[in-house]
């Protein structure tokens, strides 16, 4: 009898241990699952933040650079200029007013480059890389140097229709530097900023471009102008 009782006790003890192991394993699995779910949720939240819709209030200040690519859902509303270039139709009235006032000051500004497709931006990058290679640079060196002047496709402001390269009209005989000087002093009044200042290249990731102007809206442009910052600093 005593032996049978001892056997039963051992069986019960073994069974209890077995149950405890199962419970512990389930708890462990549950904990891992919770961690995975939380991690997945965090990643999804971050992804949604990067690819979220651009609201009507935010389109003017959308940040696009090599660290912040264009959201997949972003679609500019384009209108064509007289010379075949295009810009987002929402910036056209202020762009036209800026050019009218520049012309009233005796200048002849012209948009030399407006909206670009992804393919057009890629073509510019390929041409720039090829140019450096033709000068004797290796492919890696050429790519690195090209990216200082040409935005990587998918990270160019020209692809969102809010940026324009401004020069002078052909045959005007004027120096583009005169137009750029006027723009540096007046563009903010019309909602435009010098996007790549000479002293901000380490922040913007693009070398100084006195011809590249970006529309951010009049209020934001004035704040950026008064503070002497670039768009990245202002948004931060």
Protein backbone atom coordinates (compact mmCIF):
# COMPACT_ATOMS: atom_id res chain seq x y z
CA UNK A 1 0.00 0.00 0.00
CA UNK A 2 2.71 2.46 0.97
CA UNK A 3 4.52 1.79 -2.29
CA UNK A 4 1.36 2.51 -4.29
CA UNK A 5 0.82 5.76 -2.41
CA UNK A 6 4.41 6.80 -3.03
CA UNK A 7 4.01 6.02 -6.72
CA UNK A 8 0.82 8.09 -6.86
CA UNK A 9 2.54 10.96 -5.06
CA UNK A 10 5.44 10.83 -7.51
CA UNK A 11 3.02 10.76 -10.46
CA UNK A 12 1.11 13.75 -9.05
CA UNK A 13 4.37 15.60 -8.43
CA UNK A 14 5.59 14.82 -11.94
CA UNK A 15 2.25 15.85 -13.39
CA UNK A 16 2.32 19.11 -11.41
CA UNK A 17 5.83 19.83 -12.66
CA UNK A 18 4.70 19.09 -16.20
CA UNK A 19 1.76 21.49 -15.83
CA UNK A 20 4.03 24.20 -14.41
CA UNK A 21 6.41 23.79 -17.35
CA UNK A 22 3.53 24.12 -19.80
CA UNK A 23 2.23 27.23 -18.02
CA UNK A 24 5.70 28.78 -17.96
CA UNK A 25 6.16 28.04 -21.63
CA UNK A 26 2.80 29.59 -22.47
CA UNK A 27 3.66 32.68 -20.43
CA UNK A 28 7.01 32.92 -22.21
CA UNK A 29 5.34 32.60 -25.60
CA UNK A 30 2.78 35.19 -24.57
CA UNK A 31 5.52 37.57 -23.48
CA UNK A 32 7.44 37.12 -26.72
CA UNK A 33 4.24 37.59 -28.70
CA UNK A 34 3.52 40.80 -26.83
CA UNK A 35 7.02 42.09 -27.49
CA UNK A 36 6.73 41.21 -31.17
CA UNK A 37 3.31 42.83 -31.41
CA UNK A 38 4.58 45.98 -29.70
CA UNK A 39 7.63 46.09 -31.96
CA UNK A 40 5.47 45.55 -35.03
CA UNK A 41 3.14 48.32 -33.93
CA UNK A 42 6.08 50.67 -33.41
CA UNK A 43 7.49 49.89 -36.83
CA UNK A 44 4.07 50.33 -38.43
CA UNK A 45 3.63 53.66 -36.64
CA UNK A 46 7.01 54.85 -37.86
CA UNK A 47 6.18 53.72 -41.39
CA UNK A 48 2.84 55.50 -41.27
CA UNK A 49 4.61 58.64 -40.09
CA UNK A 50 6.98 58.51 -43.05
CA UNK A 51 4.30 57.76 -45.63
CA UNK A 52 1.31 59.57 -44.14
CA UNK A 53 -0.85 61.78 -46.28
CA UNK A 54 0.25 65.37 -46.67
CA UNK A 55 -2.57 67.55 -45.40
CA UNK A 56 -3.83 70.70 -47.07
CA UNK A 57 -2.13 72.77 -44.36
CA UNK A 58 1.25 71.01 -44.60
CA UNK A 59 1.91 70.83 -48.35
CA UNK A 60 3.78 74.14 -48.37
CA UNK A 61 6.25 73.01 -45.71
CA UNK A 62 6.80 69.42 -46.76
CA UNK A 63 10.44 68.49 -46.10
CA UNK A 64 12.18 66.72 -48.95
CA UNK A 65 15.89 65.95 -48.84
CA UNK A 66 18.18 62.91 -48.96
CA UNK A 67 16.96 61.84 -45.51
CA UNK A 68 13.28 62.54 -46.18
CA UNK A 69 12.15 61.14 -49.55
CA UNK A 70 8.95 62.22 -51.24
CA UNK A 71 5.89 60.45 -49.74
CA UNK A 72 4.56 57.82 -52.12
CA UNK A 73 1.11 59.42 -52.13
CA UNK A 74 2.31 62.92 -52.99
CA UNK A 75 0.94 64.29 -56.27
CA UNK A 76 1.57 67.89 -57.38
CA UNK A 77 -1.15 69.85 -59.17
CA UNK A 78 0.75 71.12 -62.20
CA UNK A 79 0.33 74.07 -64.51
CA UNK A 80 2.54 74.78 -67.51
CA UNK A 81 4.50 78.01 -67.89
CA UNK A 82 5.00 79.88 -71.15
CA UNK A 83 8.41 78.27 -71.76
CA UNK A 84 7.22 74.69 -71.27
CA UNK A 85 8.33 74.32 -67.65
CA UNK A 86 5.73 73.33 -65.05
CA UNK A 87 5.09 74.14 -61.39
CA UNK A 88 2.45 73.27 -58.84
CA UNK A 89 -0.56 75.41 -59.72
CA UNK A 90 -0.90 76.47 -56.07
CA UNK A 91 2.39 78.42 -56.17
CA UNK A 92 1.80 80.01 -59.58
CA UNK A 93 0.07 83.24 -58.44
CA UNK A 94 2.87 84.11 -56.00
CA UNK A 95 5.55 83.10 -58.50
CA UNK A 96 3.96 85.33 -61.14
CA UNK A 97 3.70 88.26 -58.73
CA UNK A 98 7.37 87.85 -57.77
CA UNK A 99 8.44 87.83 -61.41
CA UNK A 100 6.23 90.83 -62.25
CA UNK A 101 7.82 92.87 -59.46
CA UNK A 102 11.32 91.74 -60.44
CA UNK A 103 10.63 92.89 -64.00
CA UNK A 104 9.33 96.20 -62.65
CA UNK A 105 12.77 96.54 -61.03
CA UNK A 106 14.39 96.15 -64.45
CA UNK A 107 15.24 92.45 -64.23
CA UNK A 108 14.35 89.58 -66.57
CA UNK A 109 13.95 86.41 -64.44
CA UNK A 110 13.03 83.10 -66.01
CA UNK A 111 12.30 79.62 -64.68
CA UNK A 112 15.02 77.45 -66.18
CA UNK A 113 13.82 74.31 -64.39
CA UNK A 114 10.57 73.56 -62.61
CA UNK A 115 8.81 70.26 -62.04
CA UNK A 116 10.73 67.10 -62.94
CA UNK A 117 9.59 63.53 -63.23
CA UNK A 118 11.50 60.76 -61.48
CA UNK A 119 12.92 59.73 -64.84
CA UNK A 120 14.11 63.27 -65.59
CA UNK A 121 15.82 63.49 -62.20
CA UNK A 122 17.49 60.12 -62.76
CA UNK A 123 18.70 61.27 -66.17
CA UNK A 124 20.27 64.39 -64.61
CA UNK A 125 22.01 62.24 -62.01
CA UNK A 126 23.32 59.83 -64.65
CA UNK A 127 24.66 62.72 -66.74
CA UNK A 128 26.40 64.28 -63.74
CA UNK A 129 28.02 60.97 -62.77
CA UNK A 130 29.12 60.36 -66.36
CA UNK A 131 30.65 63.85 -66.47
CA UNK A 132 32.77 63.20 -63.38
CA UNK A 133 33.84 59.80 -64.71
CA UNK A 134 34.94 61.45 -67.96
CA UNK A 135 37.21 63.68 -65.86
CA UNK A 136 39.01 60.67 -64.48
CA UNK A 137 37.10 59.98 -61.25
CA UNK A 138 36.14 56.44 -60.26
CA UNK A 139 32.47 55.48 -60.38
CA UNK A 140 32.21 55.65 -56.58
CA UNK A 141 33.88 59.05 -56.44
CA UNK A 142 31.77 60.33 -59.32
CA UNK A 143 28.54 59.24 -57.61
CA UNK A 144 29.54 60.85 -54.31
CA UNK A 145 30.47 64.14 -55.98
CA UNK A 146 27.37 64.17 -58.21
CA UNK A 147 25.09 63.81 -55.19
CA UNK A 148 26.46 67.07 -53.80
CA UNK A 149 24.93 68.92 -56.76
CA UNK A 150 22.07 66.74 -57.97
CA UNK A 151 19.46 65.39 -55.59
CA UNK A 152 19.03 61.62 -55.54
CA UNK A 153 15.90 60.68 -57.54
CA UNK A 154 12.98 60.50 -55.14
CA UNK A 155 14.49 63.17 -52.89
CA UNK A 156 14.41 66.19 -55.20
CA UNK A 157 12.17 69.17 -54.49
CA UNK A 158 11.73 69.57 -58.23
CA UNK A 159 9.68 66.37 -58.14
CA UNK A 160 7.06 67.97 -55.88
CA UNK A 161 6.54 71.02 -58.09
CA UNK A 162 7.35 73.52 -55.34
CA UNK A 163 10.91 74.36 -56.40
CA UNK A 164 12.21 76.42 -59.31
CA UNK A 165 15.65 77.13 -60.68
CA UNK A 166 15.67 80.80 -61.67
CA UNK A 167 18.00 82.37 -64.22
CA UNK A 168 17.56 85.14 -66.78
CA UNK A 169 15.67 85.11 -70.04
CA UNK A 170 17.74 84.18 -73.08
CA UNK A 171 19.03 87.19 -74.92
CA UNK A 172 18.37 89.60 -72.05
CA UNK A 173 22.07 90.35 -71.68
CA UNK A 174 21.66 90.51 -67.92
CA UNK A 175 23.80 88.68 -65.38
CA UNK A 176 21.95 85.97 -63.50
CA UNK A 177 23.70 87.14 -60.34
CA UNK A 178 21.68 90.39 -60.47
CA UNK A 179 18.44 88.39 -60.42
CA UNK A 180 19.72 86.18 -57.60
CA UNK A 181 20.67 89.20 -55.53
CA UNK A 182 17.16 90.63 -55.90
CA UNK A 183 15.64 87.26 -55.00
CA UNK A 184 17.78 86.93 -51.86
CA UNK A 185 16.40 90.24 -50.65
CA UNK A 186 12.79 89.96 -51.79
CA UNK A 187 11.70 86.35 -52.46
CA UNK A 188 10.34 85.81 -48.94
CA UNK A 189 7.67 88.45 -49.58
CA UNK A 190 6.14 86.06 -52.11
CA UNK A 191 6.54 82.85 -50.11
CA UNK A 192 9.88 81.67 -51.56
CA UNK A 193 13.18 80.92 -49.82
CA UNK A 194 16.73 80.37 -50.99
CA UNK A 195 16.65 76.64 -50.35
CA UNK A 196 20.38 75.82 -50.29
CA UNK A 197 22.30 78.66 -48.61
CA UNK A 198 26.07 78.73 -48.79
CA UNK A 199 26.54 78.28 -45.03
CA UNK A 200 24.00 75.45 -44.62
CA UNK A 201 25.37 72.75 -46.93
CA UNK A 202 26.15 70.40 -44.03
CA UNK A 203 22.48 70.57 -43.00
CA UNK A 204 20.73 70.55 -46.37
CA UNK A 205 23.08 67.97 -47.91
CA UNK A 206 23.28 70.02 -51.12
CA UNK A 207 25.96 72.46 -52.22
CA UNK A 208 25.18 76.16 -52.50
CA UNK A 209 22.68 76.87 -55.28
CA UNK A 210 21.90 80.59 -55.62
CA UNK A 211 19.36 79.81 -58.35
CA UNK A 212 17.21 77.26 -56.45
CA UNK A 213 14.13 78.71 -54.75
CA UNK A 214 11.46 76.80 -52.88
CA UNK A 215 7.91 77.83 -52.08
CA UNK A 216 6.95 77.48 -48.40
CA UNK A 217 4.21 80.11 -48.05
CA UNK A 218 4.59 83.77 -47.13
CA UNK A 219 4.41 83.44 -43.35
CA UNK A 220 6.97 80.61 -43.18
CA UNK A 221 9.24 82.28 -45.74
CA UNK A 222 9.37 85.50 -43.74
CA UNK A 223 10.20 83.62 -40.52
CA UNK A 224 12.98 81.68 -42.24
CA UNK A 225 14.36 84.88 -43.78
CA UNK A 226 14.29 86.81 -40.50
CA UNK A 227 15.86 83.97 -38.52
CA UNK A 228 18.54 83.28 -41.12
CA UNK A 229 17.92 79.51 -41.06
CA UNK A 230 17.31 76.83 -43.66
CA UNK A 231 14.12 74.78 -43.93
CA UNK A 232 15.55 71.86 -41.96
CA UNK A 233 16.45 74.12 -39.03
CA UNK A 234 13.10 75.87 -39.12
CA UNK A 235 11.10 72.65 -39.05
CA UNK A 236 13.25 71.22 -36.27
